[in-house]
Amino acid sequence: MNLHKEIQEIKLKRDQFLKSFAPGEVEANDIVNASKDIYLQSIRVHKFLTSNGEIGKVATAKFLDSIDLNENTKLIELDNTQIEAIIEYVKH
Protein backbone atom coordinates (compact mmCIF):
# COMPACT_ATOMS: atom_id res chain seq x y z
CA MET A 1 0.00 0.00 0.00
CA ASN A 2 1.39 3.39 -0.81
CA LEU A 3 1.83 5.99 1.90
CA HIS A 4 -0.65 8.50 0.49
CA LYS A 5 -3.45 5.92 0.34
CA GLU A 6 -2.68 4.73 3.87
CA ILE A 7 -2.79 8.30 5.20
CA GLN A 8 -6.13 8.89 3.48
CA GLU A 9 -7.58 5.72 5.02
CA ILE A 10 -6.41 6.73 8.50
CA LYS A 11 -7.88 10.21 8.04
CA LEU A 12 -11.17 8.70 6.87
CA LYS A 13 -11.29 6.41 9.92
CA ARG A 14 -10.67 9.35 12.27
CA ASP A 15 -13.30 11.49 10.52
CA GLN A 16 -15.87 8.70 10.69
CA PHE A 17 -15.17 8.22 14.38
CA LEU A 18 -15.68 11.93 15.08
CA LYS A 19 -18.85 12.07 12.98
CA SER A 20 -20.27 9.02 14.75
CA PHE A 21 -20.33 10.85 18.09
CA ALA A 22 -23.86 11.21 19.41
CA PRO A 23 -24.06 12.58 22.99
CA GLY A 24 -26.93 10.40 24.16
CA GLU A 25 -25.56 7.23 22.62
CA VAL A 26 -21.85 7.22 23.48
CA GLU A 27 -20.78 4.42 25.79
CA ALA A 28 -17.68 4.03 27.92
CA ASN A 29 -16.67 1.07 25.78
CA ASP A 30 -16.59 3.33 22.68
CA ILE A 31 -14.04 5.61 24.34
CA VAL A 32 -12.02 2.72 25.75
CA ASN A 33 -11.84 1.05 22.33
CA ALA A 34 -10.82 4.32 20.66
CA SER A 35 -8.11 4.88 23.26
CA LYS A 36 -6.62 1.51 22.31
CA ASP A 37 -6.84 2.05 18.54
CA ILE A 38 -3.50 3.31 17.24
CA TYR A 39 -5.23 5.56 14.70
CA LEU A 40 -7.80 7.06 17.10
CA GLN A 41 -5.96 7.31 20.41
CA SER A 42 -4.35 10.65 19.56
CA ILE A 43 -7.68 12.42 19.03
CA ARG A 44 -8.13 15.19 21.55
CA VAL A 45 -11.05 14.64 23.95
CA HIS A 46 -12.21 18.25 23.46
CA LYS A 47 -12.36 17.77 19.68
CA PHE A 48 -14.18 14.46 20.07
CA LEU A 49 -16.85 16.02 22.28
CA THR A 50 -17.34 19.25 20.30
CA SER A 51 -16.73 18.28 16.67
CA ASN A 52 -20.39 17.85 15.78
CA GLY A 53 -21.47 21.16 17.32
CA GLU A 54 -24.02 19.68 19.73
CA ILE A 55 -21.92 20.41 22.81
CA GLY A 56 -20.40 23.84 23.37
CA LYS A 57 -16.65 24.33 23.28
CA VAL A 58 -16.41 26.65 26.29
CA ALA A 59 -18.64 24.48 28.48
CA THR A 60 -16.64 21.42 27.46
CA ALA A 61 -13.34 23.12 28.27
CA LYS A 62 -14.67 24.03 31.73
CA PHE A 63 -15.91 20.48 32.26
CA LEU A 64 -12.56 18.99 31.25
CA ASP A 65 -10.81 21.34 33.67
CA SER A 66 -13.14 20.17 36.44
CA ILE A 67 -11.92 16.57 35.99
CA ASP A 68 -8.24 17.59 35.79
CA LEU A 69 -7.99 17.46 32.01
CA ASN A 70 -7.46 20.19 29.43
CA GLU A 71 -8.27 20.92 25.79
CA ASN A 72 -5.16 19.05 24.64
CA THR A 73 -5.80 15.80 26.52
CA LYS A 74 -5.88 12.84 24.17
CA LEU A 75 -8.12 9.77 24.37
CA ILE A 76 -5.15 7.55 25.26
CA GLU A 77 -4.54 9.62 28.41
CA LEU A 78 -7.95 8.96 30.00
CA ASP A 79 -8.50 6.74 33.00
CA ASN A 80 -11.74 4.91 33.81
CA THR A 81 -12.96 7.54 36.28
CA GLN A 82 -12.54 10.29 33.70
CA ILE A 83 -14.26 8.21 31.03
CA GLU A 84 -17.26 7.69 33.31
CA ALA A 85 -17.37 11.44 34.06
CA ILE A 86 -17.33 12.18 30.33
CA ILE A 87 -20.19 9.75 29.73
CA GLU A 88 -22.23 11.46 32.46
CA TYR A 89 -21.41 14.88 31.01
CA VAL A 90 -22.55 14.07 27.47
CA LYS A 91 -25.76 12.35 28.59
CA HIS A 92 -27.04 15.48 30.36
PDB file of N, CA and C in Angstrom:
ATOM      1  N   MET A   1       0.857  -1.173   0.000  1.00  0.00           N
ATOM      2  CA  MET A   1       0.000   0.000   0.000  1.00  0.00           C
ATOM      3  C   MET A   1       0.902   1.234   0.000  1.00  0.00           C
ATOM      4  N   ASN A   2       0.542   2.207  -0.802  1.00  0.00           N
ATOM      5  CA  ASN A   2       1.386   3.394  -0.812  1.00  0.00           C
ATOM      6  C   ASN A   2       1.021   4.309   0.355  1.00  0.00           C
ATOM      7  N   LEU A   3       1.956   5.143   0.720  1.00  0.00           N
ATOM      8  CA  LEU A   3       1.827   5.986   1.904  1.00  0.00           C
ATOM      9  C   LEU A   3       0.638   6.940   1.801  1.00  0.00           C
ATOM     10  N   HIS A   4       0.449   7.547   0.651  1.00  0.00           N
ATOM     11  CA  HIS A   4      -0.652   8.498   0.487  1.00  0.00           C
ATOM     12  C   HIS A   4      -2.008   7.825   0.727  1.00  0.00           C
ATOM     13  N   LYS A   5      -2.180   6.636   0.168  1.00  0.00           N
ATOM     14  CA  LYS A   5      -3.445   5.915   0.342  1.00  0.00           C
ATOM     15  C   LYS A   5      -3.648   5.530   1.804  1.00  0.00           C
ATOM     16  N   GLU A   6      -2.583   5.108   2.459  1.00  0.00           N
ATOM     17  CA  GLU A   6      -2.676   4.733   3.866  1.00  0.00           C
ATOM     18  C   GLU A   6      -3.056   5.934   4.734  1.00  0.00           C
ATOM     19  N   ILE A   7      -2.461   7.076   4.461  1.00  0.00           N
ATOM     20  CA  ILE A   7      -2.789   8.296   5.201  1.00  0.00           C
ATOM     21  C   ILE A   7      -4.254   8.667   4.993  1.00  0.00           C
ATOM     22  N   GLN A   8      -4.725   8.566   3.771  1.00  0.00           N
ATOM     23  CA  GLN A   8      -6.126   8.891   3.475  1.00  0.00           C
ATOM     24  C   GLN A   8      -7.076   7.950   4.220  1.00  0.00           C
ATOM     25  N   GLU A   9      -6.734   6.673   4.304  1.00  0.00           N
ATOM     26  CA  GLU A   9      -7.579   5.715   5.018  1.00  0.00           C
ATOM     27  C   GLU A   9      -7.612   6.005   6.522  1.00  0.00           C
ATOM     28  N   ILE A  10      -6.474   6.381   7.075  1.00  0.00           N
ATOM     29  CA  ILE A  10      -6.414   6.732   8.502  1.00  0.00           C
ATOM     30  C   ILE A  10      -7.248   7.975   8.754  1.00  0.00           C
ATOM     31  N   LYS A  11      -7.109   8.969   7.889  1.00  0.00           N
ATOM     32  CA  LYS A  11      -7.882  10.205   8.041  1.00  0.00           C
ATOM     33  C   LYS A  11      -9.375   9.915   7.949  1.00  0.00           C
ATOM     34  N   LEU A  12      -9.769   9.074   7.020  1.00  0.00           N
ATOM     35  CA  LEU A  12     -11.174   8.703   6.873  1.00  0.00           C
ATOM     36  C   LEU A  12     -11.690   8.019   8.138  1.00  0.00           C
ATOM     37  N   LYS A  13     -10.899   7.106   8.691  1.00  0.00           N
ATOM     38  CA  LYS A  13     -11.294   6.408   9.917  1.00  0.00           C
ATOM     39  C   LYS A  13     -11.484   7.391  11.069  1.00  0.00           C
ATOM     40  N   ARG A  14     -10.574   8.346  11.204  1.00  0.00           N
ATOM     41  CA  ARG A  14     -10.669   9.348  12.268  1.00  0.00           C
ATOM     42  C   ARG A  14     -11.905  10.234  12.067  1.00  0.00           C
ATOM     43  N   ASP A  15     -12.132  10.664  10.822  1.00  0.00           N
ATOM     44  CA  ASP A  15     -13.295  11.494  10.523  1.00  0.00           C
ATOM     45  C   ASP A  15     -14.598  10.755  10.811  1.00  0.00           C
ATOM     46  N   GLN A  16     -14.665   9.496  10.439  1.00  0.00           N
ATOM     47  CA  GLN A  16     -15.867   8.700  10.692  1.00  0.00           C
ATOM     48  C   GLN A  16     -16.109   8.539  12.185  1.00  0.00           C
ATOM     49  N   PHE A  17     -15.040   8.341  12.936  1.00  0.00           N
ATOM     50  CA  PHE A  17     -15.172   8.215  14.377  1.00  0.00           C
ATOM     51  C   PHE A  17     -15.723   9.507  14.972  1.00  0.00           C
ATOM     52  N   LEU A  18     -15.196  10.642  14.557  1.00  0.00           N
ATOM     53  CA  LEU A  18     -15.675  11.931  15.079  1.00  0.00           C
ATOM     54  C   LEU A  18     -17.125  12.179  14.677  1.00  0.00           C
ATOM     55  N   LYS A  19     -17.485  11.849  13.457  1.00  0.00           N
ATOM     56  CA  LYS A  19     -18.853  12.070  12.984  1.00  0.00           C
ATOM     57  C   LYS A  19     -19.849  11.118  13.633  1.00  0.00           C
ATOM     58  N   SER A  20     -19.373   9.993  14.133  1.00  0.00           N
ATOM     59  CA  SER A  20     -20.274   9.021  14.751  1.00  0.00           C
ATOM     60  C   SER A  20     -20.673   9.417  16.177  1.00  0.00           C
ATOM     61  N   PHE A  21     -20.039  10.450  16.721  1.00  0.00           N
ATOM     62  CA  PHE A  21     -20.328  10.854  18.092  1.00  0.00           C
ATOM     63  C   PHE A  21     -21.752  11.376  18.207  1.00  0.00           C
ATOM     64  N   ALA A  22     -22.510  10.770  19.095  1.00  0.00           N
ATOM     65  CA  ALA A  22     -23.862  11.213  19.414  1.00  0.00           C
ATOM     66  C   ALA A  22     -23.950  11.254  20.941  1.00  0.00           C
ATOM     67  N   PRO A  23     -24.131  12.439  21.528  1.00  0.00           N
ATOM     68  CA  PRO A  23     -24.062  12.577  22.987  1.00  0.00           C
ATOM     69  C   PRO A  23     -24.884  11.572  23.788  1.00  0.00           C
ATOM     70  N   GLY A  24     -26.093  11.301  23.390  1.00  0.00           N
ATOM     71  CA  GLY A  24     -26.931  10.396  24.157  1.00  0.00           C
ATOM     72  C   GLY A  24     -26.626   8.931  23.951  1.00  0.00           C
ATOM     73  N   GLU A  25     -25.800   8.626  22.973  1.00  0.00           N
ATOM     74  CA  GLU A  25     -25.560   7.234  22.617  1.00  0.00           C
ATOM     75  C   GLU A  25     -24.152   6.740  22.909  1.00  0.00           C
ATOM     76  N   VAL A  26     -23.236   7.633  23.257  1.00  0.00           N
ATOM     77  CA  VAL A  26     -21.852   7.221  23.484  1.00  0.00           C
ATOM     78  C   VAL A  26     -21.751   6.385  24.758  1.00  0.00           C
ATOM     79  N   GLU A  27     -20.980   5.329  24.667  1.00  0.00           N
ATOM     80  CA  GLU A  27     -20.782   4.422  25.791  1.00  0.00           C
ATOM     81  C   GLU A  27     -19.313   4.445  26.203  1.00  0.00           C
ATOM     82  N   ALA A  28     -19.057   4.067  27.429  1.00  0.00           N
ATOM     83  CA  ALA A  28     -17.680   4.026  27.924  1.00  0.00           C
ATOM     84  C   ALA A  28     -16.826   3.120  27.053  1.00  0.00           C
ATOM     85  N   ASN A  29     -17.404   2.026  26.609  1.00  0.00           N
ATOM     86  CA  ASN A  29     -16.673   1.069  25.775  1.00  0.00           C
ATOM     87  C   ASN A  29     -16.204   1.705  24.464  1.00  0.00           C
ATOM     88  N   ASP A  30     -16.988   2.642  23.909  1.00  0.00           N
ATOM     89  CA  ASP A  30     -16.592   3.331  22.676  1.00  0.00           C
ATOM     90  C   ASP A  30     -15.303   4.114  22.895  1.00  0.00           C
ATOM     91  N   ILE A  31     -15.224   4.807  24.026  1.00  0.00           N
ATOM     92  CA  ILE A  31     -14.043   5.612  24.336  1.00  0.00           C
ATOM     93  C   ILE A  31     -12.854   4.711  24.657  1.00  0.00           C
ATOM     94  N   VAL A  32     -13.097   3.651  25.409  1.00  0.00           N
ATOM     95  CA  VAL A  32     -12.018   2.716  25.751  1.00  0.00           C
ATOM     96  C   VAL A  32     -11.442   2.092  24.477  1.00  0.00           C
ATOM     97  N   ASN A  33     -12.307   1.655  23.582  1.00  0.00           N
ATOM     98  CA  ASN A  33     -11.838   1.049  22.333  1.00  0.00           C
ATOM     99  C   ASN A  33     -11.054   2.050  21.489  1.00  0.00           C
ATOM    100  N   ALA A  34     -11.529   3.287  21.429  1.00  0.00           N
ATOM    101  CA  ALA A  34     -10.825   4.318  20.661  1.00  0.00           C
ATOM    102  C   ALA A  34      -9.461   4.620  21.275  1.00  0.00           C
ATOM    103  N   SER A  35      -9.390   4.584  22.598  1.00  0.00           N
ATOM    104  CA  SER A  35      -8.114   4.882  23.261  1.00  0.00           C
ATOM    105  C   SER A  35      -7.074   3.789  23.022  1.00  0.00           C
ATOM    106  N   LYS A  36      -7.527   2.617  22.595  1.00  0.00           N
ATOM    107  CA  LYS A  36      -6.621   1.510  22.307  1.00  0.00           C
ATOM    108  C   LYS A  36      -6.294   1.386  20.815  1.00  0.00           C
ATOM    109  N   ASP A  37      -7.040   2.098  19.990  1.00  0.00           N
ATOM    110  CA  ASP A  37      -6.843   2.051  18.544  1.00  0.00           C
ATOM    111  C   ASP A  37      -5.710   3.019  18.164  1.00  0.00           C
ATOM    112  N   ILE A  38      -4.684   2.505  17.551  1.00  0.00           N
ATOM    113  CA  ILE A  38      -3.502   3.312  17.236  1.00  0.00           C
ATOM    114  C   ILE A  38      -3.830   4.531  16.366  1.00  0.00           C
ATOM    115  N   TYR A  39      -4.879   4.454  15.577  1.00  0.00           N
ATOM    116  CA  TYR A  39      -5.234   5.563  14.697  1.00  0.00           C
ATOM    117  C   TYR A  39      -6.184   6.565  15.352  1.00  0.00           C
ATOM    118  N   LEU A  40      -6.832   6.181  16.440  1.00  0.00           N
ATOM    119  CA  LEU A  40      -7.796   7.057  17.099  1.00  0.00           C
ATOM    120  C   LEU A  40      -7.304   7.616  18.431  1.00  0.00           C
ATOM    121  N   GLN A  41      -6.357   6.956  19.052  1.00  0.00           N
ATOM    122  CA  GLN A  41      -5.960   7.307  20.414  1.00  0.00           C
ATOM    123  C   GLN A  41      -5.369   8.706  20.549  1.00  0.00           C
ATOM    124  N   SER A  42      -4.921   9.305  19.470  1.00  0.00           N
ATOM    125  CA  SER A  42      -4.345  10.647  19.563  1.00  0.00           C
ATOM    126  C   SER A  42      -5.361  11.761  19.341  1.00  0.00           C
ATOM    127  N   ILE A  43      -6.628  11.410  19.169  1.00  0.00           N
ATOM    128  CA  ILE A  43      -7.681  12.424  19.026  1.00  0.00           C
ATOM    129  C   ILE A  43      -7.853  13.118  20.374  1.00  0.00           C
ATOM    130  N   ARG A  44      -7.923  14.432  20.320  1.00  0.00           N
ATOM    131  CA  ARG A  44      -8.128  15.189  21.550  1.00  0.00           C
ATOM    132  C   ARG A  44      -9.564  15.007  22.047  1.00  0.00           C
ATOM    133  N   VAL A  45      -9.734  14.848  23.346  1.00  0.00           N
ATOM    134  CA  VAL A  45     -11.053  14.645  23.950  1.00  0.00           C
ATOM    135  C   VAL A  45     -11.955  15.832  23.629  1.00  0.00           C
ATOM    136  N   HIS A  46     -11.414  17.047  23.735  1.00  0.00           N
ATOM    137  CA  HIS A  46     -12.206  18.253  23.460  1.00  0.00           C
ATOM    138  C   HIS A  46     -12.749  18.229  22.032  1.00  0.00           C
ATOM    139  N   LYS A  47     -11.919  17.851  21.074  1.00  0.00           N
ATOM    140  CA  LYS A  47     -12.364  17.772  19.677  1.00  0.00           C
ATOM    141  C   LYS A  47     -13.425  16.690  19.513  1.00  0.00           C
ATOM    142  N   PHE A  48     -13.216  15.551  20.138  1.00  0.00           N
ATOM    143  CA  PHE A  48     -14.182  14.455  20.067  1.00  0.00           C
ATOM    144  C   PHE A  48     -15.554  14.911  20.558  1.00  0.00           C
ATOM    145  N   LEU A  49     -15.586  15.624  21.678  1.00  0.00           N
ATOM    146  CA  LEU A  49     -16.850  16.024  22.278  1.00  0.00           C
ATOM    147  C   LEU A  49     -17.529  17.189  21.560  1.00  0.00           C
ATOM    148  N   THR A  50     -16.757  18.037  20.891  1.00  0.00           N
ATOM    149  CA  THR A  50     -17.339  19.245  20.303  1.00  0.00           C
ATOM    150  C   THR A  50     -17.394  19.252  18.781  1.00  0.00           C
ATOM    151  N   SER A  51     -16.862  18.248  18.133  1.00  0.00           N
ATOM    152  CA  SER A  51     -16.730  18.282  16.669  1.00  0.00           C
ATOM    153  C   SER A  51     -18.058  18.354  15.915  1.00  0.00           C
ATOM    154  N   ASN A  52     -19.115  17.818  16.492  1.00  0.00           N
ATOM    155  CA  ASN A  52     -20.391  17.846  15.775  1.00  0.00           C
ATOM    156  C   ASN A  52     -21.233  19.072  16.104  1.00  0.00           C
ATOM    157  N   GLY A  53     -20.784  19.918  17.011  1.00  0.00           N
ATOM    158  CA  GLY A  53     -21.475  21.162  17.320  1.00  0.00           C
ATOM    159  C   GLY A  53     -22.626  21.043  18.309  1.00  0.00           C
ATOM    160  N   GLU A  54     -22.916  19.857  18.791  1.00  0.00           N
ATOM    161  CA  GLU A  54     -24.024  19.682  19.728  1.00  0.00           C
ATOM    162  C   GLU A  54     -23.668  20.101  21.152  1.00  0.00           C
ATOM    163  N   ILE A  55     -22.385  20.033  21.484  1.00  0.00           N
ATOM    164  CA  ILE A  55     -21.919  20.406  22.813  1.00  0.00           C
ATOM    165  C   ILE A  55     -20.980  21.590  22.645  1.00  0.00           C
ATOM    166  N   GLY A  56     -21.184  22.624  23.479  1.00  0.00           N
ATOM    167  CA  GLY A  56     -20.397  23.845  23.368  1.00  0.00           C
ATOM    168  C   GLY A  56     -18.932  23.668  23.735  1.00  0.00           C
ATOM    169  N   LYS A  57     -18.093  24.430  23.064  1.00  0.00           N
ATOM    170  CA  LYS A  57     -16.647  24.327  23.279  1.00  0.00           C
ATOM    171  C   LYS A  57     -16.228  24.888  24.635  1.00  0.00           C
ATOM    172  N   VAL A  58     -16.795  26.033  25.020  1.00  0.00           N
ATOM    173  CA  VAL A  58     -16.410  26.648  26.290  1.00  0.00           C
ATOM    174  C   VAL A  58     -16.877  25.793  27.462  1.00  0.00           C
ATOM    175  N   ALA A  59     -18.110  25.329  27.403  1.00  0.00           N
ATOM    176  CA  ALA A  59     -18.636  24.477  28.484  1.00  0.00           C
ATOM    177  C   ALA A  59     -17.825  23.194  28.594  1.00  0.00           C
ATOM    178  N   THR A  60     -17.437  22.649  27.459  1.00  0.00           N
ATOM    179  CA  THR A  60     -16.642  21.421  27.465  1.00  0.00           C
ATOM    180  C   THR A  60     -15.259  21.673  28.053  1.00  0.00           C
ATOM    181  N   ALA A  61     -14.653  22.790  27.710  1.00  0.00           N
ATOM    182  CA  ALA A  61     -13.339  23.121  28.266  1.00  0.00           C
ATOM    183  C   ALA A  61     -13.424  23.261  29.785  1.00  0.00           C
ATOM    184  N   LYS A  62     -14.479  23.894  30.280  1.00  0.00           N
ATOM    185  CA  LYS A  62     -14.673  24.034  31.729  1.00  0.00           C
ATOM    186  C   LYS A  62     -14.895  22.667  32.376  1.00  0.00           C
ATOM    187  N   PHE A  63     -15.681  21.825  31.728  1.00  0.00           N
ATOM    188  CA  PHE A  63     -15.906  20.482  32.260  1.00  0.00           C
ATOM    189  C   PHE A  63     -14.598  19.706  32.335  1.00  0.00           C
ATOM    190  N   LEU A  64     -13.827  19.723  31.254  1.00  0.00           N
ATOM    191  CA  LEU A  64     -12.558  18.993  31.248  1.00  0.00           C
ATOM    192  C   LEU A  64     -11.644  19.479  32.361  1.00  0.00           C
ATOM    193  N   ASP A  65     -11.619  20.788  32.586  1.00  0.00           N
ATOM    194  CA  ASP A  65     -10.812  21.340  33.670  1.00  0.00           C
ATOM    195  C   ASP A  65     -11.288  20.815  35.021  1.00  0.00           C
ATOM    196  N   SER A  66     -12.587  20.633  35.161  1.00  0.00           N
ATOM    197  CA  SER A  66     -13.139  20.166  36.437  1.00  0.00           C
ATOM    198  C   SER A  66     -12.759  18.723  36.760  1.00  0.00           C
ATOM    199  N   ILE A  67     -12.363  17.954  35.740  1.00  0.00           N
ATOM    200  CA  ILE A  67     -11.918  16.574  35.990  1.00  0.00           C
ATOM    201  C   ILE A  67     -10.414  16.434  35.724  1.00  0.00           C
ATOM    202  N   ASP A  68      -9.705  17.548  35.899  1.00  0.00           N
ATOM    203  CA  ASP A  68      -8.243  17.593  35.790  1.00  0.00           C
ATOM    204  C   ASP A  68      -7.711  17.220  34.404  1.00  0.00           C
ATOM    205  N   LEU A  69      -8.441  17.624  33.385  1.00  0.00           N
ATOM    206  CA  LEU A  69      -7.989  17.455  32.007  1.00  0.00           C
ATOM    207  C   LEU A  69      -7.933  18.838  31.364  1.00  0.00           C
ATOM    208  N   ASN A  70      -7.441  18.921  30.143  1.00  0.00           N
ATOM    209  CA  ASN A  70      -7.460  20.189  29.430  1.00  0.00           C
ATOM    210  C   ASN A  70      -7.835  19.950  27.970  1.00  0.00           C
ATOM    211  N   GLU A  71      -7.825  21.028  27.186  1.00  0.00           N
ATOM    212  CA  GLU A  71      -8.266  20.920  25.794  1.00  0.00           C
ATOM    213  C   GLU A  71      -7.321  20.093  24.927  1.00  0.00           C
ATOM    214  N   ASN A  72      -6.134  19.820  25.417  1.00  0.00           N
ATOM    215  CA  ASN A  72      -5.159  19.049  24.639  1.00  0.00           C
ATOM    216  C   ASN A  72      -5.042  17.591  25.068  1.00  0.00           C
ATOM    217  N   THR A  73      -5.836  17.184  26.054  1.00  0.00           N
ATOM    218  CA  THR A  73      -5.803  15.797  26.524  1.00  0.00           C
ATOM    219  C   THR A  73      -6.273  14.872  25.410  1.00  0.00           C
ATOM    220  N   LYS A  74      -5.548  13.802  25.219  1.00  0.00           N
ATOM    221  CA  LYS A  74      -5.884  12.838  24.166  1.00  0.00           C
ATOM    222  C   LYS A  74      -6.610  11.630  24.757  1.00  0.00           C
ATOM    223  N   LEU A  75      -7.345  10.926  23.917  1.00  0.00           N
ATOM    224  CA  LEU A  75      -8.118   9.766  24.369  1.00  0.00           C
ATOM    225  C   LEU A  75      -7.250   8.749  25.102  1.00  0.00           C
ATOM    226  N   ILE A  76      -6.029   8.544  24.649  1.00  0.00           N
ATOM    227  CA  ILE A  76      -5.153   7.549  25.256  1.00  0.00           C
ATOM    228  C   ILE A  76      -4.788   7.900  26.704  1.00  0.00           C
ATOM    229  N   GLU A  77      -4.928   9.162  27.091  1.00  0.00           N
ATOM    230  CA  GLU A  77      -4.536   9.622  28.413  1.00  0.00           C
ATOM    231  C   GLU A  77      -5.628   9.461  29.476  1.00  0.00           C
ATOM    232  N   LEU A  78      -6.811   9.048  29.072  1.00  0.00           N
ATOM    233  CA  LEU A  78      -7.947   8.964  29.997  1.00  0.00           C
ATOM    234  C   LEU A  78      -7.878   7.730  30.888  1.00  0.00           C
ATOM    235  N   ASP A  79      -8.340   7.901  32.125  1.00  0.00           N
ATOM    236  CA  ASP A  79      -8.503   6.735  32.998  1.00  0.00           C
ATOM    237  C   ASP A  79      -9.994   6.428  33.107  1.00  0.00           C
ATOM    238  N   ASN A  80     -10.335   5.341  33.746  1.00  0.00           N
ATOM    239  CA  ASN A  80     -11.739   4.905  33.814  1.00  0.00           C
ATOM    240  C   ASN A  80     -12.648   5.908  34.508  1.00  0.00           C
ATOM    241  N   THR A  81     -12.161   6.552  35.554  1.00  0.00           N
ATOM    242  CA  THR A  81     -12.963   7.538  36.275  1.00  0.00           C
ATOM    243  C   THR A  81     -13.291   8.725  35.362  1.00  0.00           C
ATOM    244  N   GLN A  82     -12.311   9.176  34.609  1.00  0.00           N
ATOM    245  CA  GLN A  82     -12.537  10.290  33.698  1.00  0.00           C
ATOM    246  C   GLN A  82     -13.482   9.893  32.560  1.00  0.00           C
ATOM    247  N   ILE A  83     -13.352   8.678  32.079  1.00  0.00           N
ATOM    248  CA  ILE A  83     -14.258   8.209  31.027  1.00  0.00           C
ATOM    249  C   ILE A  83     -15.694   8.195  31.532  1.00  0.00           C
ATOM    250  N   GLU A  84     -15.902   7.704  32.736  1.00  0.00           N
ATOM    251  CA  GLU A  84     -17.262   7.689  33.311  1.00  0.00           C
ATOM    252  C   GLU A  84     -17.798   9.108  33.485  1.00  0.00           C
ATOM    253  N   ALA A  85     -16.950  10.043  33.904  1.00  0.00           N
ATOM    254  CA  ALA A  85     -17.368  11.441  34.060  1.00  0.00           C
ATOM    255  C   ALA A  85     -17.751  12.031  32.703  1.00  0.00           C
ATOM    256  N   ILE A  86     -17.017  11.691  31.679  1.00  0.00           N
ATOM    257  CA  ILE A  86     -17.330  12.179  30.330  1.00  0.00           C
ATOM    258  C   ILE A  86     -18.668  11.624  29.866  1.00  0.00           C
ATOM    259  N   ILE A  87     -18.915  10.359  30.115  1.00  0.00           N
ATOM    260  CA  ILE A  87     -20.190   9.750  29.734  1.00  0.00           C
ATOM    261  C   ILE A  87     -21.348  10.469  30.433  1.00  0.00           C
ATOM    262  N   GLU A  88     -21.197  10.733  31.706  1.00  0.00           N
ATOM    263  CA  GLU A  88     -22.230  11.459  32.456  1.00  0.00           C
ATOM    264  C   GLU A  88     -22.422  12.861  31.890  1.00  0.00           C
ATOM    265  N   TYR A  89     -21.346  13.519  31.552  1.00  0.00           N
ATOM    266  CA  TYR A  89     -21.407  14.880  31.007  1.00  0.00           C
ATOM    267  C   TYR A  89     -22.185  14.925  29.684  1.00  0.00           C
ATOM    268  N   VAL A  90     -21.904  14.009  28.787  1.00  0.00           N
ATOM    269  CA  VAL A  90     -22.549  14.066  27.474  1.00  0.00           C
ATOM    270  C   VAL A  90     -23.994  13.587  27.502  1.00  0.00           C
ATOM    271  N   LYS A  91     -24.370  12.842  28.516  1.00  0.00           N
ATOM    272  CA  LYS A  91     -25.758  12.352  28.591  1.00  0.00           C
ATOM    273  C   LYS A  91     -26.699  13.375  29.200  1.00  0.00           C
ATOM    274  N   HIS A  92     -26.158  14.455  29.758  1.00  0.00           N
ATOM    275  CA  HIS A  92     -27.037  15.482  30.364  1.00  0.00           C
ATOM    276  C   HIS A  92     -27.296  16.601  29.414  1.00  0.00           C
TER     277      HIS A  92
END
